[in-house]
Protein backbone atom coordinates (compact mmCIF):
# COMPACT_ATOMS: atom_id res chain seq x y z
CA MET A 1 0.04 0.04 0.01
CA ALA A 2 1.58 3.30 -1.17
CA LYS A 3 1.83 6.04 1.36
CA VAL A 4 0.92 9.58 0.27
CA LEU A 5 0.95 12.92 2.22
CA LEU A 6 -2.17 14.96 1.59
CA LEU A 7 -1.82 18.60 2.52
CA LEU A 8 -5.32 19.65 3.50
CA PRO A 9 -5.68 23.26 4.85
CA ALA A 10 -8.44 24.14 7.15
CA GLY A 11 -10.27 26.33 4.63
CA THR A 12 -10.12 23.83 1.72
CA TYR A 13 -13.34 22.60 0.04
CA ARG A 14 -11.65 19.58 -1.27
CA THR A 15 -10.95 17.27 1.67
CA SER A 16 -13.68 14.75 0.87
CA ASP A 17 -12.98 14.52 -2.88
CA PHE A 18 -9.26 13.94 -2.35
CA MET A 19 -9.90 11.45 0.58
CA ASP A 20 -12.43 9.60 -1.60
CA ALA A 21 -9.87 9.40 -4.48
CA ALA A 22 -7.15 8.13 -2.07
CA GLY A 23 -9.61 5.49 -0.83
CA SER A 24 -10.44 4.32 -4.44
CA LEU A 25 -6.82 3.77 -4.96
CA ASP A 26 -6.22 1.99 -1.55
CA LEU A 27 -3.64 4.52 -0.39
CA ASP A 28 -2.13 4.86 3.03
CA VAL A 29 -2.94 8.52 3.72
CA VAL A 30 -0.98 10.89 6.02
CA VAL A 31 -2.95 14.04 6.50
CA VAL A 32 -0.99 17.28 6.82
CA THR A 33 -3.19 20.17 8.06
CA ASP A 34 -3.28 23.36 10.00
CA ALA A 35 -6.55 22.39 11.81
CA PRO A 36 -6.77 18.96 13.43
CA ALA A 37 -10.56 19.44 13.65
CA SER A 38 -10.82 19.22 9.84
CA PRO A 39 -12.82 16.17 8.75
CA MET A 40 -10.38 13.23 8.10
CA ALA A 41 -10.91 9.54 7.51
CA ASP A 42 -10.79 7.33 10.56
CA GLY A 43 -7.41 5.90 11.24
CA ASP A 44 -5.38 8.27 9.19
CA THR A 45 -2.16 9.76 10.63
CA VAL A 46 -2.54 13.58 11.11
CA ILE A 47 0.36 15.98 11.19
CA GLU A 48 -0.35 19.62 12.25
CA VAL A 49 1.82 22.36 10.65
CA ASP A 50 1.75 26.09 9.87
CA PHE A 51 1.46 26.45 6.11
CA SER A 52 2.50 30.11 6.36
CA GLN A 53 6.07 28.93 7.10
CA PRO A 54 6.56 26.28 4.37
CA ARG A 55 10.19 25.46 4.96
CA VAL A 56 9.65 24.96 8.71
CA ALA A 57 6.50 23.01 8.08
CA ALA A 58 8.46 20.57 5.79
CA GLY A 59 10.91 20.06 8.51
CA LYS A 60 8.28 19.36 11.00
CA ILE A 61 6.62 16.85 8.66
CA LEU A 62 9.90 15.02 8.08
CA SER A 63 10.53 14.81 11.82
CA ALA A 64 6.99 13.45 12.44
CA LEU A 65 7.46 10.76 9.82
CA GLY A 66 10.44 9.29 11.57
CA GLU A 67 13.52 7.62 10.29
CA ASN A 68 11.93 5.54 7.52
CA PRO A 69 9.12 7.67 6.08
CA GLU A 70 8.56 5.45 2.91
CA VAL A 71 6.49 8.16 1.38
CA ALA A 72 5.65 7.73 -2.22
CA ALA A 73 4.01 11.10 -3.02
CA VAL A 74 3.29 14.55 -1.51
CA VAL A 75 0.16 16.27 -2.91
CA ALA A 76 -1.04 19.77 -1.98
CA VAL A 77 -4.73 20.30 -2.82
CA ASP A 78 -4.79 24.07 -2.70
CA ASP A 79 -2.54 27.15 -3.09
CA VAL A 80 -1.97 27.28 0.62
CA GLY A 81 0.00 24.03 0.70
CA VAL A 82 1.96 24.01 -2.58
CA LEU A 83 5.16 25.51 -1.19
CA THR A 84 5.20 23.20 1.89
CA ALA A 85 4.62 20.26 -0.44
CA SER A 86 7.56 21.27 -2.69
CA PHE A 87 9.88 21.71 0.31
CA THR A 88 8.77 18.37 1.67
CA ARG A 89 9.41 16.54 -1.64
CA GLN A 90 12.88 18.13 -1.69
CA LEU A 91 13.65 16.77 1.86
CA LEU A 92 12.37 13.36 1.02
CA GLY A 93 14.20 13.17 -2.32
CA LEU A 94 11.03 12.93 -4.31
CA PRO A 95 10.77 14.38 -7.88
CA GLY A 96 8.59 17.47 -8.44
CA ASN A 97 8.50 21.16 -8.87
CA SER A 98 11.29 23.12 -7.21
CA PRO A 99 10.31 25.54 -4.37
CA GLU A 100 11.66 28.35 -6.60
CA ALA A 101 9.29 27.49 -9.37
CA VAL A 102 6.23 27.09 -7.13
CA ALA A 103 6.98 30.36 -5.45
CA ILE A 104 6.74 32.20 -8.68
CA THR A 105 3.17 30.99 -9.05
CA ARG A 106 2.40 32.21 -5.59
CA ASP A 107 3.75 35.81 -6.38
CA LYS A 108 2.08 37.70 -9.12
CA ALA A 109 4.78 40.27 -9.44
CA THR A 110 7.57 37.65 -9.82
CA MET A 111 5.40 35.61 -12.27
CA ARG A 112 4.73 38.74 -14.35
CA VAL A 113 8.57 39.28 -14.60
CA ARG A 114 9.33 35.67 -15.55
CA LEU A 115 6.65 35.54 -18.16
CA ALA A 116 7.95 38.82 -19.70
CA GLU A 117 11.35 37.42 -19.80
CA ALA A 118 10.11 34.51 -21.70
CA GLY A 119 8.09 36.61 -24.17
CA VAL A 120 4.70 35.22 -23.07
CA ARG A 121 1.91 37.54 -24.05
CA GLN A 122 0.36 39.07 -20.92
CA PRO A 123 -0.97 42.45 -19.66
CA LYS A 124 1.39 45.28 -19.57
CA PHE A 125 2.39 45.80 -15.86
CA ARG A 126 4.21 47.68 -13.22
CA ILE A 127 5.10 46.68 -9.69
CA VAL A 128 4.39 49.18 -6.91
CA GLY A 129 5.95 48.95 -3.50
CA GLN A 130 8.68 46.50 -4.32
CA GLY A 131 12.20 46.93 -3.16
CA PRO A 132 15.43 46.54 -5.20
CA GLY A 133 15.08 43.58 -7.46
CA PRO A 134 14.22 42.54 -11.11
CA GLY A 135 11.13 43.65 -12.95
CA PRO A 136 9.60 46.94 -14.08
CA ARG A 137 8.94 49.06 -11.00
CA THR A 138 7.89 52.61 -10.54
CA GLY A 139 9.82 55.35 -8.94
CA GLY A 140 8.17 57.97 -6.72
CA GLU A 141 7.95 61.63 -7.74
CA GLY A 142 7.92 62.99 -4.28
CA GLY A 143 4.50 61.86 -3.36
CA GLY A 144 5.10 58.44 -1.73
CA LYS A 145 2.79 55.58 -2.57
CA ASN A 146 0.23 57.59 -4.35
CA SER A 147 2.80 59.11 -6.68
CA GLU A 148 4.16 55.68 -7.37
CA LEU A 149 0.72 54.32 -8.11
CA LEU A 150 -0.08 57.15 -10.48
CA VAL A 151 3.25 56.65 -12.42
CA ALA A 152 2.40 52.87 -12.58
CA ALA A 153 -1.10 53.49 -13.92
CA ARG A 154 -0.11 56.14 -16.43
CA SER A 155 2.57 53.70 -17.66
CA VAL A 156 0.19 50.82 -18.27
CA GLY A 157 -2.77 53.05 -19.28
CA TYR A 158 -6.33 53.21 -18.21
CA PRO A 159 -8.43 51.15 -17.62
CA CYS A 160 -6.03 49.17 -15.53
CA VAL A 161 -6.23 46.54 -12.74
CA VAL A 162 -4.84 46.71 -9.23
CA LYS A 163 -4.07 43.42 -7.50
CA PRO A 164 -2.13 42.21 -4.46
CA VAL A 165 0.81 39.91 -5.25
CA GLY A 166 -0.06 36.79 -3.17
CA LEU A 167 -3.82 36.18 -3.27
CA SER A 168 -5.90 33.95 -5.60
CA GLY A 169 -9.55 33.73 -6.49
CA SER A 170 -9.85 37.39 -7.56
CA ARG A 171 -9.38 38.62 -3.93
CA GLY A 172 -8.43 42.29 -3.89
CA VAL A 173 -8.49 42.54 -7.65
CA ILE A 174 -10.04 45.87 -8.79
CA ARG A 175 -10.41 47.60 -12.05
CA VAL A 176 -9.58 51.30 -12.19
CA ASP A 177 -10.84 53.57 -14.99
CA ASN A 178 -9.31 56.86 -14.09
CA PRO A 179 -6.80 58.43 -11.68
CA GLU A 180 -9.63 59.49 -9.32
CA GLU A 181 -10.41 55.83 -8.49
CA LEU A 182 -6.74 54.70 -8.15
CA THR A 183 -5.93 55.45 -4.54
CA ASP A 184 -9.06 54.03 -3.05
CA ALA A 185 -8.69 50.86 -5.12
CA ALA A 186 -5.14 50.46 -4.00
CA ASP A 187 -5.92 51.06 -0.39
CA ARG A 188 -8.69 48.43 -0.54
CA ALA A 189 -6.48 45.92 -2.30
CA ARG A 190 -3.87 46.39 0.42
CA ALA A 191 -6.39 46.03 3.12
CA VAL A 192 -7.62 42.71 1.76
CA ALA A 193 -4.08 41.47 1.43
CA ALA A 194 -3.21 42.58 4.94
CA THR A 195 -6.28 40.78 6.29
CA ALA A 196 -5.36 37.57 4.48
CA GLU A 197 -1.77 37.89 5.62
CA ALA A 198 -2.68 38.21 9.28
CA ALA A 199 -4.95 35.19 8.88
CA ALA A 200 -2.08 33.24 7.46
CA GLY A 201 0.12 33.90 10.43
CA GLY A 202 1.72 37.23 9.22
CA THR A 203 3.62 36.01 6.07
CA GLY A 204 1.08 35.63 3.45
CA GLY A 205 2.46 32.23 2.84
CA THR A 206 5.24 33.43 0.55
CA SER A 207 8.00 35.23 2.54
CA GLU A 208 10.35 32.22 2.72
CA THR A 209 10.79 32.05 -1.06
CA SER A 210 9.83 35.52 -2.32
CA THR A 211 11.08 39.09 -1.98
CA ASN A 212 7.51 40.23 -2.63
CA GLY A 213 5.58 38.58 0.23
CA SER A 214 4.25 41.82 1.63
CA ASP A 215 0.71 43.06 1.89
CA SER A 216 2.02 46.58 0.61
CA VAL A 217 3.15 45.29 -2.78
CA LEU A 218 0.79 45.62 -5.67
CA VAL A 219 0.82 44.83 -9.40
CA VAL A 220 -0.83 47.44 -11.62
CA GLU A 221 -1.53 45.94 -15.03
CA SER A 222 -3.55 46.89 -18.21
CA TYR A 223 -7.03 45.68 -18.43
CA VAL A 224 -7.52 43.25 -21.28
CA GLU A 225 -10.98 43.30 -22.97
CA GLY A 226 -12.22 39.96 -24.26
CA ALA A 227 -13.64 36.52 -23.77
CA GLU A 228 -12.08 34.68 -20.75
CA VAL A 229 -11.25 30.99 -20.36
CA ALA A 230 -9.83 28.71 -17.70
CA VAL A 231 -7.52 25.92 -18.69
CA GLU A 232 -6.98 22.79 -16.59
CA GLY A 233 -3.89 20.68 -17.40
CA MET A 234 -1.42 18.10 -16.28
CA VAL A 235 2.41 18.39 -16.63
CA ASP A 236 4.46 15.16 -16.90
CA SER A 237 8.24 15.42 -17.15
CA GLY A 238 7.93 18.96 -18.43
CA VAL A 239 5.25 18.07 -21.06
CA PHE A 240 1.87 19.95 -20.65
CA THR A 241 -1.32 17.93 -21.46
CA PRO A 242 -4.58 19.97 -21.62
CA LEU A 243 -7.40 18.26 -19.76
CA ALA A 244 -10.19 20.80 -20.12
CA VAL A 245 -10.89 24.37 -21.37
CA PHE A 246 -13.73 26.12 -19.65
CA ASP A 247 -15.58 29.16 -21.23
CA LYS A 248 -16.56 31.82 -18.61
CA PRO A 249 -19.71 33.19 -20.26
CA ASP A 250 -20.13 35.80 -17.55
CA ALA A 251 -16.57 36.94 -17.27
CA SER A 252 -16.63 40.31 -15.47
CA SER A 253 -15.35 43.57 -16.95
CA GLY A 254 -14.93 44.94 -13.44
CA PRO A 255 -14.71 46.75 -11.10
CA TYR A 256 -14.50 43.32 -9.37
CA PHE A 257 -13.85 39.92 -10.91
CA GLU A 258 -16.04 37.38 -9.13
CA GLU A 259 -16.03 33.93 -10.72
CA THR A 260 -19.50 32.54 -11.66
CA TYR A 261 -20.15 30.24 -14.59
CA TYR A 262 -17.61 27.67 -15.97
CA VAL A 263 -18.75 25.59 -19.03
CA THR A 264 -16.85 22.96 -20.91
CA PRO A 265 -16.06 22.14 -23.65
CA SER A 266 -15.18 25.52 -24.82
CA GLN A 267 -17.20 26.91 -27.73
CA MET A 268 -14.00 28.57 -29.19
CA GLY A 269 -12.96 27.18 -32.40
CA SER A 270 -10.57 24.13 -32.40
CA ASP A 271 -7.61 26.19 -33.78
CA LEU A 272 -8.05 28.87 -31.15
CA ILE A 273 -8.34 26.23 -28.36
CA ASP A 274 -5.07 24.66 -29.54
CA GLU A 275 -3.45 28.11 -29.56
CA ILE A 276 -4.77 28.75 -26.00
CA ASN A 277 -3.24 25.46 -24.83
CA ARG A 278 0.05 26.24 -26.51
CA SER A 279 0.17 29.57 -24.70
CA VAL A 280 -0.51 27.94 -21.31
CA ALA A 281 2.12 25.31 -22.00
CA ALA A 282 4.64 28.03 -22.81
CA ALA A 283 3.85 29.94 -19.64
CA THR A 284 4.11 26.75 -17.61
CA SER A 285 7.43 25.95 -19.02
CA SER A 286 8.87 29.53 -18.56
CA ILE A 287 7.96 29.35 -14.92
CA GLY A 288 9.71 25.92 -14.47
CA ILE A 289 6.70 23.84 -13.62
CA VAL A 290 7.60 20.28 -14.66
CA GLU A 291 5.20 17.96 -12.81
CA GLY A 292 1.55 17.92 -11.62
CA PRO A 293 -1.58 19.89 -12.16
CA VAL A 294 -1.75 23.42 -13.58
CA HIS A 295 -4.71 25.76 -13.55
CA ALA A 296 -4.48 28.87 -15.81
CA GLU A 297 -6.63 31.82 -16.75
CA ALA A 298 -6.50 33.63 -20.05
CA ARG A 299 -8.43 36.19 -22.12
CA VAL A 300 -8.82 36.25 -25.91
CA ASP A 301 -9.25 39.74 -27.38
CA ALA A 302 -11.13 40.72 -30.46
CA ASP A 303 -8.23 39.97 -32.70
CA GLY A 304 -7.82 36.51 -31.41
CA ASN A 305 -4.71 37.30 -29.34
CA ILE A 306 -4.30 35.26 -26.16
CA TRP A 307 -3.25 36.97 -22.96
CA ILE A 308 -2.17 34.87 -19.94
CA LEU A 309 -3.71 36.45 -16.69
CA GLU A 310 -2.95 33.85 -14.06
CA LEU A 311 -1.20 30.37 -13.66
CA ALA A 312 -1.16 28.17 -10.61
CA ALA A 313 0.73 24.97 -9.76
CA ARG A 314 -2.55 23.32 -8.59
CA SER A 315 -5.83 22.13 -9.93
CA ILE A 316 -9.09 24.04 -10.22
CA GLY A 317 -10.34 25.40 -6.88
CA GLY A 318 -13.37 25.12 -4.74
CA LEU A 319 -15.64 22.13 -5.61
CA CYS A 320 -15.37 22.94 -9.35
CA SER A 321 -13.43 19.77 -10.11
CA ARG A 322 -16.72 17.91 -9.61
CA SER A 323 -17.72 19.25 -13.09
CA LEU A 324 -14.98 17.02 -14.63
CA ARG A 325 -14.85 13.35 -15.31
CA PHE A 326 -12.31 11.46 -17.38
CA GLY A 327 -12.21 8.15 -19.23
CA LEU A 328 -14.88 5.94 -17.54
CA GLY A 329 -15.91 8.34 -14.80
CA VAL A 330 -12.50 9.01 -13.22
CA SER A 331 -12.24 12.17 -10.99
CA LEU A 332 -9.68 14.85 -11.45
CA GLU A 333 -8.42 14.02 -7.92
CA THR A 334 -7.85 10.52 -8.83
CA LEU A 335 -5.80 11.57 -11.98
CA ILE A 336 -3.72 13.90 -9.76
CA LEU A 337 -2.91 11.14 -7.31
CA ARG A 338 -2.20 8.63 -9.94
CA HIS A 339 0.23 11.05 -11.54
CA ALA A 340 1.94 11.85 -8.21
CA LEU A 341 2.40 8.14 -7.65
CA HIS A 342 3.67 7.51 -11.26
CA MET A 343 0.74 5.15 -11.81
CA PRO A 344 -0.34 5.01 -15.45
CA SER A 345 -3.55 6.92 -16.24
CA SER A 346 -5.49 4.87 -18.74
CA ASP A 347 -7.38 7.91 -20.26
CA LEU A 348 -7.02 11.64 -19.82
CA THR A 349 -9.88 12.30 -22.25
CA ARG A 350 -12.74 14.27 -20.69
CA GLU A 351 -16.21 12.74 -20.85
CA SER A 352 -18.18 13.37 -23.94
CA ALA A 353 -21.08 15.24 -22.32
CA ALA A 354 -20.89 18.98 -21.73
CA SER A 355 -20.65 20.03 -18.09
CA GLY A 356 -20.42 23.14 -16.06
CA VAL A 357 -20.39 24.68 -12.66
CA LEU A 358 -21.75 27.86 -11.14
CA MET A 359 -19.86 29.32 -8.18
CA LEU A 360 -22.81 30.89 -6.41
CA PRO A 361 -22.00 34.54 -5.82
CA ILE A 362 -22.60 36.31 -2.45
CA PRO A 363 -24.90 39.26 -3.40
CA ALA A 364 -24.27 41.54 -0.39
CA GLU A 365 -22.36 41.70 2.89
CA GLY A 366 -24.16 40.66 6.05
CA ILE A 367 -25.48 37.74 7.92
CA LEU A 368 -26.56 34.78 5.81
CA GLU A 369 -30.17 33.96 6.93
CA SER A 370 -31.17 31.31 4.30
CA VAL A 371 -30.90 30.15 0.78
CA ASP A 372 -34.50 29.50 -0.28
CA GLY A 373 -35.70 27.57 -3.43
CA GLN A 374 -33.00 24.82 -3.30
CA ASP A 375 -35.25 22.06 -4.06
CA ASP A 376 -36.87 24.00 -6.85
CA ALA A 377 -33.38 24.64 -8.28
CA ARG A 378 -32.39 20.92 -7.95
CA SER A 379 -35.53 19.98 -9.91
CA VAL A 380 -34.31 21.73 -13.10
CA PHE A 381 -33.51 19.02 -15.73
CA GLY A 382 -29.73 18.63 -16.08
CA ILE A 383 -28.83 19.82 -12.56
CA GLN A 384 -26.55 17.20 -10.98
CA SER A 385 -26.08 18.70 -7.52
CA LEU A 386 -26.30 21.85 -5.47
CA GLU A 387 -24.12 22.33 -2.40
CA ILE A 388 -24.41 25.39 -0.08
CA THR A 389 -21.13 25.64 1.68
CA ILE A 390 -21.80 28.47 4.10
CA PRO A 391 -24.26 27.59 6.96
CA PRO A 392 -26.99 30.15 8.09
CA GLY A 393 -25.88 32.56 10.70
CA ARG A 394 -22.41 33.25 9.17
CA MET A 395 -21.00 36.59 8.17
CA VAL A 396 -20.63 36.78 4.42
CA ARG A 397 -18.76 39.25 2.27
CA PRO A 398 -18.66 39.40 -1.60
CA LEU A 399 -15.44 39.82 -3.63
CA PRO A 400 -13.08 41.55 -3.66
CA ASP A 401 -13.04 41.45 0.14
CA GLY A 402 -14.46 37.94 0.76
CA ASP A 403 -12.74 34.70 0.41
CA ARG A 404 -15.66 32.20 0.01
CA TYR A 405 -18.40 31.39 -2.42
CA LEU A 406 -21.96 30.70 -1.18
CA GLY A 407 -21.92 27.31 -2.77
CA PHE A 408 -21.58 25.37 -6.07
CA MET A 409 -24.09 24.09 -8.57
CA PHE A 410 -23.32 21.48 -11.20
CA ALA A 411 -25.01 20.65 -14.46
CA ARG A 412 -24.54 18.19 -17.47
CA GLY A 413 -26.12 18.21 -20.87
CA ALA A 414 -25.91 17.59 -24.54
CA SER A 415 -24.13 20.82 -25.29
CA PRO A 416 -22.36 23.77 -23.62
CA GLU A 417 -25.41 25.95 -24.44
CA ALA A 418 -27.69 23.55 -22.78
CA VAL A 419 -25.59 23.43 -19.65
CA GLU A 420 -25.28 27.17 -19.29
CA SER A 421 -29.09 27.55 -19.81
CA THR A 422 -29.72 24.88 -17.11
CA LEU A 423 -27.50 26.66 -14.54
CA ARG A 424 -29.00 30.02 -15.32
CA GLU A 425 -32.48 28.62 -14.93
CA ALA A 426 -31.75 26.86 -11.68
CA HIS A 427 -29.92 29.95 -10.30
CA SER A 428 -32.93 32.09 -10.89
CA ARG A 429 -34.95 29.88 -8.59
CA LEU A 430 -32.67 30.56 -5.62
CA ASN A 431 -33.43 33.44 -3.14
CA VAL A 432 -30.51 34.41 -1.01
CA VAL A 433 -31.60 36.10 2.21
CA ILE A 434 -28.95 38.25 3.90
CA SER A 435 -29.54 40.58 6.79
CA PRO A 436 -27.43 43.67 7.41
CA VAL A 437 -24.83 43.52 10.14
CA PRO A 438 -26.29 45.15 13.30
CA THR A 439 -24.88 48.60 13.92
CA PRO A 440 -23.59 48.91 17.53
CA SER A 441 -25.68 51.35 19.51
């Protein structure tokens, strides 16, 4: 029985899916987590670490495993654990992505610099608040941070996008259309980053491998108008294989960039899809990702040019992987574990049916009272499942400040158009009731 370390942060949605996949492969699982109260399978070994200190966490894992760890694979399920996983593999002598390469995917400023050096098409950018180091930075004009911001925005042009360097899922990402909006957007982005950094233990999870792991560093980049796609892929010995391309029919034009609908297969033409996959492969190679899952975001402008927006050394987030099945019903988590264990995967072809997921947006800040109409939504033909992941009574906040979705809805159908229509109809039957936060008297 092969032993695998599964890195399961407290905030992950993906514990049950990865544990189910490990069970289907009859693996001996060692759970690495930052919250022992997280749901784990009975009998599994649990090691508690602080993912915000990945090098220290890797050393603690090695000590806990003892003299003969006999670990066959180390798999991080989310962004939070990818650096710890890389350091741990390094200590165990297992193949995989280097900590340096993984750190690039966790730092938007460093990633932009690396992609620029490789000639990958991406938004024009400037880094604000970074100390001495590589990459296009802005110099102040006697006005401190605000002056630096204005120089950066003027350089890339309006509209532009302001984003923190170390967050994912569109947190803190804000479009700015003119200089008057710039300072407020930057202050808000920094506040979101500072909150996330404090929650992660004060490092943002990147400080051991990156010079940009600070809540004050921002990337200011040009806004790219166009259709948006998400690409799921697997890298094996440096060779990128696309697994799925999702269209985002409601891709936002700002000011915030909340994810909603993902539908696959993409309705882009086959030649354009091939070009999108080649662009993601080039970006992956330039960063130095040589093994494991990759999730990328790109936009296609009116001229058919492909712009790489994001690239992560992990699979699709949330519960969205449940929209994907390969071969004879194999889950994405099973493919990831098989790859990590060097087990042959019989078929990487996505199922023939169209599928999609709706990440249910949070419509307002406040206390979640209820989500009404769930049974009615589930009754829509083509809906596979609906999961509300935030219980009533909890405080909810929409993006760019929040870090959770209300839940996930899944559909399958004969075509991408049918799947999108099904999700929209089911969504229209939900009524989210949120009460305002009481004002202290």
